[in-house]
């Protein structure tokens, strides 16, 4: 745990500029206010379909990522090089996350391919696994073309760091999650699994379909951690240096706009801390452990609430 705080302290000492951080904080505060006042994510973005949905996601993610990046040199003395390599990497990441989140390659066929009793569960599972195809596979090709000289595949190193501090971190966060679980917003959002007739169609107990979903749900966080802390931090450090972290935290906040507002706000700080750790250790294994652990703890606590009602 002491090592994690050392990473954070070193990063803040080298990177923190009050005017820069305040400018980005104001930008995010405005975006959070607009999203939760007008329900932008759920009522507008989610109502779109096909290429139109992809286009609006692309524009939204471009704002989320590029505005903080351009605010950094404007409000600090940092000199960022917006060269060809920056534009290649940044447009790639905005395109890929927009493709993944808009389900451009998923919506047209899932409901037609699967039986109606199975289609919703299949959609939820495949949607959680889509990051493996839309994010990790394309970025592996990018890695082979641009970063093959780096033995570290954007944080998926063979040698995992000491995971004990991350387990301790989960234990520290657990009481906070338990307290938050009594809030209406939490109970409305979790558990993410929604009961269907899929287990009846498959002739298996419902706990089996729950397990199938929860495994896919966990693998989704592997994709998320790889993309945000792997490529957006480790991969973008080559062009943005330490500034890759705060711009990632902005885009990561937008990922949570469909969830309760406290979760969106806390994601800025959580993403920032995990980004610092990833940049310092050149590994995302600790972040994967924290992310999957948090997700499963929230799911388990939500199930316990349901059993108690």
C-alpha atoms as a PDB file:
ATOM      1  CA  UNK A   1       0.000   0.000   0.000  1.00  0.00           C
ATOM      2  CA  UNK A   2       2.886   2.324   0.815  1.00  0.00           C
ATOM      3  CA  UNK A   3       4.286   1.761  -2.685  1.00  0.00           C
ATOM      4  CA  UNK A   4       0.980   2.766  -4.299  1.00  0.00           C
ATOM      5  CA  UNK A   5       0.899   6.052  -2.367  1.00  0.00           C
ATOM      6  CA  UNK A   6       4.507   6.662  -3.376  1.00  0.00           C
ATOM      7  CA  UNK A   7       3.567   6.307  -7.052  1.00  0.00           C
ATOM      8  CA  UNK A   8       0.698   8.758  -6.605  1.00  0.00           C
ATOM      9  CA  UNK A   9       2.792  11.287  -4.698  1.00  0.00           C
ATOM     10  CA  UNK A  10       5.583  11.212  -7.295  1.00  0.00           C
ATOM     11  CA  UNK A  11       3.152  11.689 -10.153  1.00  0.00           C
ATOM     12  CA  UNK A  12       1.314  14.600  -8.522  1.00  0.00           C
ATOM     13  CA  UNK A  13       4.589  16.328  -7.658  1.00  0.00           C
ATOM     14  CA  UNK A  14       5.732  16.161 -11.282  1.00  0.00           C
ATOM     15  CA  UNK A  15       2.459  16.597 -13.140  1.00  0.00           C
ATOM     16  CA  UNK A  16       0.116  18.747 -11.029  1.00  0.00           C
ATOM     17  CA  UNK A  17      -0.538  22.311 -12.216  1.00  0.00           C
ATOM     18  CA  UNK A  18      -3.424  24.008 -10.392  1.00  0.00           C
ATOM     19  CA  UNK A  19      -4.772  26.004 -13.359  1.00  0.00           C
ATOM     20  CA  UNK A  20      -4.629  22.965 -15.643  1.00  0.00           C
ATOM     21  CA  UNK A  21      -6.359  20.629 -13.223  1.00  0.00           C
ATOM     22  CA  UNK A  22      -8.973  23.258 -12.346  1.00  0.00           C
ATOM     23  CA  UNK A  23      -9.768  23.884 -16.012  1.00  0.00           C
ATOM     24  CA  UNK A  24     -10.296  20.166 -16.632  1.00  0.00           C
ATOM     25  CA  UNK A  25     -12.324  19.866 -13.411  1.00  0.00           C
ATOM     26  CA  UNK A  26     -14.632  22.687 -14.579  1.00  0.00           C
ATOM     27  CA  UNK A  27     -15.009  21.021 -17.985  1.00  0.00           C
ATOM     28  CA  UNK A  28     -15.945  17.690 -16.379  1.00  0.00           C
ATOM     29  CA  UNK A  29     -18.301  19.365 -13.899  1.00  0.00           C
ATOM     30  CA  UNK A  30     -20.172  21.034 -16.778  1.00  0.00           C
ATOM     31  CA  UNK A  31     -20.374  17.741 -18.699  1.00  0.00           C
ATOM     32  CA  UNK A  32     -21.608  15.831 -15.636  1.00  0.00           C
ATOM     33  CA  UNK A  33     -24.231  18.517 -14.935  1.00  0.00           C
ATOM     34  CA  UNK A  34     -25.500  18.480 -18.531  1.00  0.00           C
ATOM     35  CA  UNK A  35     -25.592  14.673 -18.726  1.00  0.00           C
ATOM     36  CA  UNK A  36     -27.569  14.154 -15.513  1.00  0.00           C
ATOM     37  CA  UNK A  37     -29.806  17.179 -16.034  1.00  0.00           C
ATOM     38  CA  UNK A  38     -30.861  16.233 -19.562  1.00  0.00           C
ATOM     39  CA  UNK A  39     -30.203  12.466 -19.304  1.00  0.00           C
ATOM     40  CA  UNK A  40     -27.936  12.694 -22.345  1.00  0.00           C
ATOM     41  CA  UNK A  41     -26.489   9.168 -22.176  1.00  0.00           C
ATOM     42  CA  UNK A  42     -29.678   7.208 -21.533  1.00  0.00           C
ATOM     43  CA  UNK A  43     -32.292   9.289 -23.341  1.00  0.00           C
ATOM     44  CA  UNK A  44     -30.277  10.576 -26.297  1.00  0.00           C
ATOM     45  CA  UNK A  45     -27.286   8.360 -27.081  1.00  0.00           C
ATOM     46  CA  UNK A  46     -28.999   5.070 -26.240  1.00  0.00           C
ATOM     47  CA  UNK A  47     -31.997   5.988 -28.397  1.00  0.00           C
ATOM     48  CA  UNK A  48     -29.856   6.075 -31.550  1.00  0.00           C
ATOM     49  CA  UNK A  49     -29.188   3.056 -33.730  1.00  0.00           C
ATOM     50  CA  UNK A  50     -26.725   1.913 -36.367  1.00  0.00           C
ATOM     51  CA  UNK A  51     -24.148   4.259 -37.840  1.00  0.00           C
ATOM     52  CA  UNK A  52     -25.934   7.304 -36.370  1.00  0.00           C
ATOM     53  CA  UNK A  53     -25.304   5.953 -32.879  1.00  0.00           C
ATOM     54  CA  UNK A  54     -21.651   5.348 -33.721  1.00  0.00           C
ATOM     55  CA  UNK A  55     -21.317   8.883 -35.079  1.00  0.00           C
ATOM     56  CA  UNK A  56     -22.779  10.500 -31.954  1.00  0.00           C
ATOM     57  CA  UNK A  57     -20.611   8.332 -29.717  1.00  0.00           C
ATOM     58  CA  UNK A  58     -17.580   9.333 -31.786  1.00  0.00           C
ATOM     59  CA  UNK A  59     -18.364  13.031 -31.359  1.00  0.00           C
ATOM     60  CA  UNK A  60     -19.041  12.582 -27.624  1.00  0.00           C
ATOM     61  CA  UNK A  61     -15.799  10.692 -27.033  1.00  0.00           C
ATOM     62  CA  UNK A  62     -13.842  13.172 -29.141  1.00  0.00           C
ATOM     63  CA  UNK A  63     -15.055  16.002 -26.896  1.00  0.00           C
ATOM     64  CA  UNK A  64     -14.317  13.966 -23.764  1.00  0.00           C
ATOM     65  CA  UNK A  65     -10.751  13.244 -24.844  1.00  0.00           C
ATOM     66  CA  UNK A  66      -9.555  16.174 -26.944  1.00  0.00           C
ATOM     67  CA  UNK A  67     -10.874  19.040 -24.801  1.00  0.00           C
ATOM     68  CA  UNK A  68      -8.744  18.080 -21.757  1.00  0.00           C
ATOM     69  CA  UNK A  69      -5.741  17.359 -24.005  1.00  0.00           C
ATOM     70  CA  UNK A  70      -5.953  20.855 -25.516  1.00  0.00           C
ATOM     71  CA  UNK A  71      -6.607  22.470 -22.123  1.00  0.00           C
ATOM     72  CA  UNK A  72      -3.334  21.072 -20.744  1.00  0.00           C
ATOM     73  CA  UNK A  73      -0.899  23.295 -22.702  1.00  0.00           C
ATOM     74  CA  UNK A  74      -3.385  26.191 -22.581  1.00  0.00           C
ATOM     75  CA  UNK A  75      -3.440  26.332 -18.786  1.00  0.00           C
ATOM     76  CA  UNK A  76       0.067  25.107 -17.993  1.00  0.00           C
ATOM     77  CA  UNK A  77       3.591  25.429 -19.352  1.00  0.00           C
ATOM     78  CA  UNK A  78       3.617  21.863 -20.617  1.00  0.00           C
ATOM     79  CA  UNK A  79       4.458  21.495 -24.280  1.00  0.00           C
ATOM     80  CA  UNK A  80       2.621  18.647 -25.933  1.00  0.00           C
ATOM     81  CA  UNK A  81       3.488  17.607 -29.466  1.00  0.00           C
ATOM     82  CA  UNK A  82       0.354  17.224 -31.551  1.00  0.00           C
ATOM     83  CA  UNK A  83       2.200  15.423 -34.306  1.00  0.00           C
ATOM     84  CA  UNK A  84       1.170  12.679 -36.701  1.00  0.00           C
ATOM     85  CA  UNK A  85       1.781   9.957 -34.126  1.00  0.00           C
ATOM     86  CA  UNK A  86      -0.527  11.704 -31.650  1.00  0.00           C
ATOM     87  CA  UNK A  87      -3.328  12.014 -34.183  1.00  0.00           C
ATOM     88  CA  UNK A  88      -2.930   8.405 -35.346  1.00  0.00           C
ATOM     89  CA  UNK A  89      -3.142   7.043 -31.805  1.00  0.00           C
ATOM     90  CA  UNK A  90      -5.861   9.395 -30.566  1.00  0.00           C
ATOM     91  CA  UNK A  91      -8.196   8.976 -33.545  1.00  0.00           C
ATOM     92  CA  UNK A  92      -7.703   5.213 -33.293  1.00  0.00           C
ATOM     93  CA  UNK A  93      -8.712   5.153 -29.641  1.00  0.00           C
ATOM     94  CA  UNK A  94     -11.753   7.416 -30.155  1.00  0.00           C
ATOM     95  CA  UNK A  95     -12.887   5.283 -33.113  1.00  0.00           C
ATOM     96  CA  UNK A  96     -12.451   1.969 -31.306  1.00  0.00           C
ATOM     97  CA  UNK A  97     -14.247   2.949 -28.097  1.00  0.00           C
ATOM     98  CA  UNK A  98     -17.088   4.459 -30.147  1.00  0.00           C
ATOM     99  CA  UNK A  99     -17.369   1.271 -32.184  1.00  0.00           C
ATOM    100  CA  UNK A 100     -17.439  -0.812 -29.011  1.00  0.00           C
ATOM    101  CA  UNK A 101     -19.961   1.305 -27.115  1.00  0.00           C
ATOM    102  CA  UNK A 102     -22.339   1.896 -30.036  1.00  0.00           C
ATOM    103  CA  UNK A 103     -22.667  -1.868 -30.669  1.00  0.00           C
ATOM    104  CA  UNK A 104     -22.473  -1.089 -34.357  1.00  0.00           C
ATOM    105  CA  UNK A 105     -21.560  -4.687 -35.192  1.00  0.00           C
ATOM    106  CA  UNK A 106     -23.831  -6.285 -32.604  1.00  0.00           C
ATOM    107  CA  UNK A 107     -27.399  -4.950 -32.626  1.00  0.00           C
ATOM    108  CA  UNK A 108     -28.497  -5.958 -36.161  1.00  0.00           C
ATOM    109  CA  UNK A 109     -28.179  -9.716 -35.735  1.00  0.00           C
ATOM    110  CA  UNK A 110     -28.239 -10.855 -32.105  1.00  0.00           C
ATOM    111  CA  UNK A 111     -32.001 -10.647 -31.586  1.00  0.00           C
ATOM    112  CA  UNK A 112     -32.672 -12.305 -34.940  1.00  0.00           C
ATOM    113  CA  UNK A 113     -30.155 -15.090 -34.450  1.00  0.00           C
ATOM    114  CA  UNK A 114     -31.177 -16.292 -30.962  1.00  0.00           C
ATOM    115  CA  UNK A 115     -34.513 -17.647 -29.729  1.00  0.00           C
ATOM    116  CA  UNK A 116     -36.612 -14.922 -28.091  1.00  0.00           C
ATOM    117  CA  UNK A 117     -36.273 -16.571 -24.661  1.00  0.00           C
ATOM    118  CA  UNK A 118     -32.481 -16.517 -25.010  1.00  0.00           C
ATOM    119  CA  UNK A 119     -31.854 -13.362 -27.027  1.00  0.00           C
ATOM    120  CA  UNK A 120     -31.683 -10.817 -24.177  1.00  0.00           C
ATOM    121  CA  UNK A 121     -29.196 -12.854 -22.124  1.00  0.00           C
ATOM    122  CA  UNK A 122     -27.181 -13.586 -25.259  1.00  0.00           C
ATOM    123  CA  UNK A 123     -27.115  -9.885 -26.102  1.00  0.00           C
ATOM    124  CA  UNK A 124     -25.922  -8.952 -22.582  1.00  0.00           C
ATOM    125  CA  UNK A 125     -23.188 -11.602 -22.606  1.00  0.00           C
ATOM    126  CA  UNK A 126     -21.965 -10.855 -26.134  1.00  0.00           C
ATOM    127  CA  UNK A 127     -22.075  -7.122 -25.404  1.00  0.00           C
ATOM    128  CA  UNK A 128     -19.771  -7.677 -22.418  1.00  0.00           C
ATOM    129  CA  UNK A 129     -17.423  -9.748 -24.569  1.00  0.00           C
ATOM    130  CA  UNK A 130     -17.414  -7.313 -27.484  1.00  0.00           C
ATOM    131  CA  UNK A 131     -14.427  -5.447 -26.050  1.00  0.00           C
ATOM    132  CA  UNK A 132     -12.256  -8.473 -26.791  1.00  0.00           C
ATOM    133  CA  UNK A 133     -13.082  -8.034 -30.495  1.00  0.00           C
ATOM    134  CA  UNK A 134     -13.536  -4.262 -30.795  1.00  0.00           C
ATOM    135  CA  UNK A 135     -10.703  -3.179 -28.477  1.00  0.00           C
ATOM    136  CA  UNK A 136      -8.102  -5.812 -27.658  1.00  0.00           C
ATOM    137  CA  UNK A 137      -7.815  -7.475 -31.085  1.00  0.00           C
ATOM    138  CA  UNK A 138      -7.484  -4.208 -33.112  1.00  0.00           C
ATOM    139  CA  UNK A 139      -5.011  -2.817 -30.581  1.00  0.00           C
ATOM    140  CA  UNK A 140      -2.969  -6.000 -30.819  1.00  0.00           C
ATOM    141  CA  UNK A 141      -2.676  -5.349 -34.552  1.00  0.00           C
ATOM    142  CA  UNK A 142      -1.748  -1.725 -33.775  1.00  0.00           C
ATOM    143  CA  UNK A 143       0.876  -2.983 -31.338  1.00  0.00           C
ATOM    144  CA  UNK A 144       2.405  -5.254 -33.988  1.00  0.00           C
ATOM    145  CA  UNK A 145       2.553  -2.385 -36.466  1.00  0.00           C
ATOM    146  CA  UNK A 146       3.674   0.479 -34.209  1.00  0.00           C
ATOM    147  CA  UNK A 147       4.955  -0.761 -30.846  1.00  0.00           C
ATOM    148  CA  UNK A 148       6.350  -4.240 -31.410  1.00  0.00           C
ATOM    149  CA  UNK A 149       9.720  -3.029 -30.092  1.00  0.00           C
ATOM    150  CA  UNK A 150       8.019  -2.730 -26.681  1.00  0.00           C
ATOM    151  CA  UNK A 151       7.985  -6.148 -25.011  1.00  0.00           C
ATOM    152  CA  UNK A 152       5.081  -5.003 -22.848  1.00  0.00           C
ATOM    153  CA  UNK A 153       1.709  -5.317 -24.638  1.00  0.00           C
ATOM    154  CA  UNK A 154       0.153  -2.159 -23.144  1.00  0.00           C
ATOM    155  CA  UNK A 155       0.351  -3.440 -19.588  1.00  0.00           C
ATOM    156  CA  UNK A 156      -0.434  -7.121 -20.181  1.00  0.00           C
ATOM    157  CA  UNK A 157       3.037  -8.090 -19.040  1.00  0.00           C
ATOM    158  CA  UNK A 158       3.889 -11.683 -18.259  1.00  0.00           C
ATOM    159  CA  UNK A 159       5.179 -10.813 -14.812  1.00  0.00           C
ATOM    160  CA  UNK A 160       2.355  -9.601 -12.579  1.00  0.00           C
ATOM    161  CA  UNK A 161       3.272  -7.169  -9.789  1.00  0.00           C
ATOM    162  CA  UNK A 162       2.720  -7.887  -6.098  1.00  0.00           C
ATOM    163  CA  UNK A 163      -1.084  -8.049  -5.837  1.00  0.00           C
ATOM    164  CA  UNK A 164      -1.333  -7.829  -2.039  1.00  0.00           C
ATOM    165  CA  UNK A 165      -1.664  -4.004  -1.984  1.00  0.00           C
ATOM    166  CA  UNK A 166      -4.577  -4.238  -4.410  1.00  0.00           C
ATOM    167  CA  UNK A 167      -6.351  -6.815  -2.244  1.00  0.00           C
ATOM    168  CA  UNK A 168      -5.859  -4.500   0.742  1.00  0.00           C
ATOM    169  CA  UNK A 169      -7.307  -1.647  -1.312  1.00  0.00           C
ATOM    170  CA  UNK A 170     -10.417  -3.736  -2.029  1.00  0.00           C
ATOM    171  CA  UNK A 171     -10.849  -4.430   1.677  1.00  0.00           C
ATOM    172  CA  UNK A 172     -10.619  -0.702   2.417  1.00  0.00           C
ATOM    173  CA  UNK A 173     -13.234   0.110  -0.232  1.00  0.00           C
ATOM    174  CA  UNK A 174     -15.638  -2.663   0.847  1.00  0.00           C
ATOM    175  CA  UNK A 175     -17.288  -0.680   3.705  1.00  0.00           C
ATOM    176  CA  UNK A 176     -17.888   2.231   1.314  1.00  0.00           C
ATOM    177  CA  UNK A 177     -19.638  -0.086  -1.155  1.00  0.00           C
ATOM    178  CA  UNK A 178     -21.752  -1.601   1.630  1.00  0.00           C
ATOM    179  CA  UNK A 179     -22.844   1.879   2.737  1.00  0.00           C
ATOM    180  CA  UNK A 180     -23.573   2.955  -0.846  1.00  0.00           C
ATOM    181  CA  UNK A 181     -25.609  -0.206  -1.448  1.00  0.00           C
ATOM    182  CA  UNK A 182     -28.438   1.178   0.691  1.00  0.00           C
ATOM    183  CA  UNK A 183     -28.915   4.132  -1.663  1.00  0.00           C
ATOM    184  CA  UNK A 184     -31.837   3.920  -4.136  1.00  0.00           C
ATOM    185  CA  UNK A 185     -29.566   4.680  -7.090  1.00  0.00           C
ATOM    186  CA  UNK A 186     -27.351   1.692  -6.277  1.00  0.00           C
ATOM    187  CA  UNK A 187     -30.264  -0.694  -5.824  1.00  0.00           C
ATOM    188  CA  UNK A 188     -31.794   0.473  -9.095  1.00  0.00           C
ATOM    189  CA  UNK A 189     -28.547  -0.131 -11.010  1.00  0.00           C
ATOM    190  CA  UNK A 190     -27.327  -3.370  -9.419  1.00  0.00           C
ATOM    191  CA  UNK A 191     -27.188  -6.274  -9.865  1.00  0.00           C
ATOM    192  CA  UNK A 192     -26.455  -5.880 -13.564  1.00  0.00           C
ATOM    193  CA  UNK A 193     -27.870  -9.331 -14.292  1.00  0.00           C
ATOM    194  CA  UNK A 194     -31.556  -9.238 -15.212  1.00  0.00           C
ATOM    195  CA  UNK A 195     -33.687 -12.346 -14.805  1.00  0.00           C
ATOM    196  CA  UNK A 196     -35.061 -13.792 -18.054  1.00  0.00           C
ATOM    197  CA  UNK A 197     -36.518 -17.067 -19.314  1.00  0.00           C
ATOM    198  CA  UNK A 198     -33.117 -18.130 -20.676  1.00  0.00           C
ATOM    199  CA  UNK A 199     -32.557 -20.750 -17.973  1.00  0.00           C
ATOM    200  CA  UNK A 200     -35.955 -22.274 -18.771  1.00  0.00           C
ATOM    201  CA  UNK A 201     -35.107 -22.459 -22.470  1.00  0.00           C
ATOM    202  CA  UNK A 202     -31.690 -23.994 -21.726  1.00  0.00           C
ATOM    203  CA  UNK A 203     -33.205 -26.270 -19.041  1.00  0.00           C
ATOM    204  CA  UNK A 204     -30.600 -25.320 -16.453  1.00  0.00           C
ATOM    205  CA  UNK A 205     -30.903 -23.688 -13.003  1.00  0.00           C
ATOM    206  CA  UNK A 206     -30.903 -19.891 -13.067  1.00  0.00           C
ATOM    207  CA  UNK A 207     -27.704 -19.706 -11.018  1.00  0.00           C
ATOM    208  CA  UNK A 208     -25.954 -21.142 -14.093  1.00  0.00           C
ATOM    209  CA  UNK A 209     -27.126 -18.294 -16.339  1.00  0.00           C
ATOM    210  CA  UNK A 210     -26.166 -15.856 -13.574  1.00  0.00           C
ATOM    211  CA  UNK A 211     -22.675 -17.385 -13.520  1.00  0.00           C
ATOM    212  CA  UNK A 212     -22.410 -17.156 -17.318  1.00  0.00           C
ATOM    213  CA  UNK A 213     -23.328 -13.498 -17.212  1.00  0.00           C
ATOM    214  CA  UNK A 214     -21.006 -12.646 -14.305  1.00  0.00           C
ATOM    215  CA  UNK A 215     -18.000 -14.255 -16.026  1.00  0.00           C
ATOM    216  CA  UNK A 216     -18.689 -12.229 -19.177  1.00  0.00           C
ATOM    217  CA  UNK A 217     -19.219  -9.139 -16.997  1.00  0.00           C
ATOM    218  CA  UNK A 218     -15.772  -9.651 -15.448  1.00  0.00           C
ATOM    219  CA  UNK A 219     -14.120 -10.128 -18.853  1.00  0.00           C
ATOM    220  CA  UNK A 220     -15.625  -6.823 -19.925  1.00  0.00           C
ATOM    221  CA  UNK A 221     -13.601  -5.128 -17.197  1.00  0.00           C
ATOM    222  CA  UNK A 222     -10.451  -6.785 -18.505  1.00  0.00           C
ATOM    223  CA  UNK A 223     -11.157  -5.055 -21.834  1.00  0.00           C
ATOM    224  CA  UNK A 224     -11.939  -1.773 -20.075  1.00  0.00           C
ATOM    225  CA  UNK A 225      -8.753  -1.882 -18.016  1.00  0.00           C
ATOM    226  CA  UNK A 226      -6.684  -2.806 -21.057  1.00  0.00           C
ATOM    227  CA  UNK A 227      -8.119   0.044 -23.104  1.00  0.00           C
ATOM    228  CA  UNK A 228      -8.157   2.841 -20.524  1.00  0.00           C
ATOM    229  CA  UNK A 229      -5.105   2.046 -18.425  1.00  0.00           C
ATOM    230  CA  UNK A 230      -3.278  -0.005 -21.059  1.00  0.00           C
ATOM    231  CA  UNK A 231      -3.551   1.860 -24.339  1.00  0.00           C
ATOM    232  CA  UNK A 232      -4.738   5.292 -23.128  1.00  0.00           C
ATOM    233  CA  UNK A 233      -2.004   5.500 -20.486  1.00  0.00           C
ATOM    234  CA  UNK A 234       0.875   3.177 -21.371  1.00  0.00           C
ATOM    235  CA  UNK A 235       0.297   3.423 -25.126  1.00  0.00           C
ATOM    236  CA  UNK A 236      -0.298   7.199 -25.140  1.00  0.00           C
ATOM    237  CA  UNK A 237       2.587   8.005 -22.773  1.00  0.00           C
ATOM    238  CA  UNK A 238       4.831   7.867 -25.840  1.00  0.00           C
ATOM    239  CA  UNK A 239       3.187  11.060 -27.151  1.00  0.00           C
ATOM    240  CA  UNK A 240       1.632  12.726 -24.083  1.00  0.00           C
ATOM    241  CA  UNK A 241       3.950  11.727 -21.249  1.00  0.00           C
ATOM    242  CA  UNK A 242       2.357  12.014 -17.798  1.00  0.00           C
ATOM    243  CA  UNK A 243      -0.509  14.036 -19.304  1.00  0.00           C
ATOM    244  CA  UNK A 244      -1.877  10.797 -20.745  1.00  0.00           C
ATOM    245  CA  UNK A 245      -3.370  10.029 -17.321  1.00  0.00           C
ATOM    246  CA  UNK A 246      -5.647  13.026 -16.783  1.00  0.00           C
ATOM    247  CA  UNK A 247      -6.966  12.942 -20.357  1.00  0.00           C
ATOM    248  CA  UNK A 248      -7.731   9.239 -19.877  1.00  0.00           C
ATOM    249  CA  UNK A 249      -9.576  10.014 -16.622  1.00  0.00           C
ATOM    250  CA  UNK A 250     -11.825  12.426 -18.525  1.00  0.00           C
ATOM    251  CA  UNK A 251     -12.809   9.847 -21.147  1.00  0.00           C
ATOM    252  CA  UNK A 252     -13.218   7.254 -18.399  1.00  0.00           C
ATOM    253  CA  UNK A 253     -15.714   9.527 -16.623  1.00  0.00           C
ATOM    254  CA  UNK A 254     -17.872   9.610 -19.777  1.00  0.00           C
ATOM    255  CA  UNK A 255     -17.936   5.800 -19.747  1.00  0.00           C
ATOM    256  CA  UNK A 256     -19.923   6.013 -16.485  1.00  0.00           C
ATOM    257  CA  UNK A 257     -22.562   8.518 -17.629  1.00  0.00           C
ATOM    258  CA  UNK A 258     -25.201   5.786 -17.780  1.00  0.00           C
ATOM    259  CA  UNK A 259     -24.618   4.935 -14.113  1.00  0.00           C
ATOM    260  CA  UNK A 260     -25.517   6.874 -10.928  1.00  0.00           C
ATOM    261  CA  UNK A 261     -23.856  10.298 -10.754  1.00  0.00           C
ATOM    262  CA  UNK A 262     -21.698   9.510  -7.664  1.00  0.00           C
ATOM    263  CA  UNK A 263     -20.191   6.613  -9.610  1.00  0.00           C
ATOM    264  CA  UNK A 264     -19.364   8.893 -12.548  1.00  0.00           C
ATOM    265  CA  UNK A 265     -17.691  11.413 -10.238  1.00  0.00           C
ATOM    266  CA  UNK A 266     -15.743   8.772  -8.323  1.00  0.00           C
ATOM    267  CA  UNK A 267     -14.594   7.197 -11.601  1.00  0.00           C
ATOM    268  CA  UNK A 268     -12.482  10.307 -12.285  1.00  0.00           C
ATOM    269  CA  UNK A 269     -10.461   9.757  -9.117  1.00  0.00           C
ATOM    270  CA  UNK A 270     -10.423   5.971  -9.431  1.00  0.00           C
ATOM    271  CA  UNK A 271      -9.358   6.126 -13.069  1.00  0.00           C
ATOM    272  CA  UNK A 272      -6.680   8.690 -12.248  1.00  0.00           C
ATOM    273  CA  UNK A 273      -5.200   6.542  -9.446  1.00  0.00           C
ATOM    274  CA  UNK A 274      -5.251   3.355 -11.535  1.00  0.00           C
ATOM    275  CA  UNK A 275      -3.699   5.306 -14.402  1.00  0.00           C
ATOM    276  CA  UNK A 276      -0.820   6.469 -12.204  1.00  0.00           C
ATOM    277  CA  UNK A 277      -0.190   2.907 -11.036  1.00  0.00           C
ATOM    278  CA  UNK A 278      -0.292   1.567 -14.606  1.00  0.00           C
ATOM    279  CA  UNK A 279       2.141   4.209 -15.849  1.00  0.00           C
ATOM    280  CA  UNK A 280       4.562   3.615 -12.993  1.00  0.00           C
ATOM    281  CA  UNK A 281       4.459  -0.203 -13.051  1.00  0.00           C
ATOM    282  CA  UNK A 282       3.895  -0.641 -16.812  1.00  0.00           C
ATOM    283  CA  UNK A 283       1.305  -3.247 -15.806  1.00  0.00           C
ATOM    284  CA  UNK A 284      -2.500  -3.353 -15.661  1.00  0.00           C
ATOM    285  CA  UNK A 285      -2.850  -6.606 -13.706  1.00  0.00           C
ATOM    286  CA  UNK A 286      -3.393  -4.782 -10.425  1.00  0.00           C
ATOM    287  CA  UNK A 287      -6.039  -2.589 -12.032  1.00  0.00           C
ATOM    288  CA  UNK A 288      -7.788  -5.651 -13.453  1.00  0.00           C
ATOM    289  CA  UNK A 289      -7.884  -7.217  -9.983  1.00  0.00           C
ATOM    290  CA  UNK A 290      -9.326  -4.036  -8.442  1.00  0.00           C
ATOM    291  CA  UNK A 291     -11.848  -3.501 -11.237  1.00  0.00           C
ATOM    292  CA  UNK A 292     -13.156  -7.069 -11.327  1.00  0.00           C
ATOM    293  CA  UNK A 293     -13.116  -7.246  -7.532  1.00  0.00           C
ATOM    294  CA  UNK A 294     -15.169  -4.066  -7.198  1.00  0.00           C
ATOM    295  CA  UNK A 295     -17.641  -5.194  -9.856  1.00  0.00           C
ATOM    296  CA  UNK A 296     -18.203  -8.581  -8.263  1.00  0.00           C
ATOM    297  CA  UNK A 297     -18.451  -7.092  -4.746  1.00  0.00           C
ATOM    298  CA  UNK A 298     -21.180  -4.712  -5.927  1.00  0.00           C
ATOM    299  CA  UNK A 299     -22.995  -7.551  -7.668  1.00  0.00           C
ATOM    300  CA  UNK A 300     -22.776  -9.822  -4.606  1.00  0.00           C
ATOM    301  CA  UNK A 301     -23.972  -7.111  -2.223  1.00  0.00           C
ATOM    302  CA  UNK A 302     -26.858  -6.289  -4.564  1.00  0.00           C
ATOM    303  CA  UNK A 303     -27.872  -9.984  -4.687  1.00  0.00           C
ATOM    304  CA  UNK A 304     -27.785 -10.104  -0.878  1.00  0.00           C
ATOM    305  CA  UNK A 305     -30.081  -7.073  -0.736  1.00  0.00           C
ATOM    306  CA  UNK A 306     -32.517  -8.852  -3.055  1.00  0.00           C
ATOM    307  CA  UNK A 307     -32.462 -11.954  -0.905  1.00  0.00           C
ATOM    308  CA  UNK A 308     -33.176  -9.856   2.164  1.00  0.00           C
ATOM    309  CA  UNK A 309     -36.214  -8.161   0.611  1.00  0.00           C
END
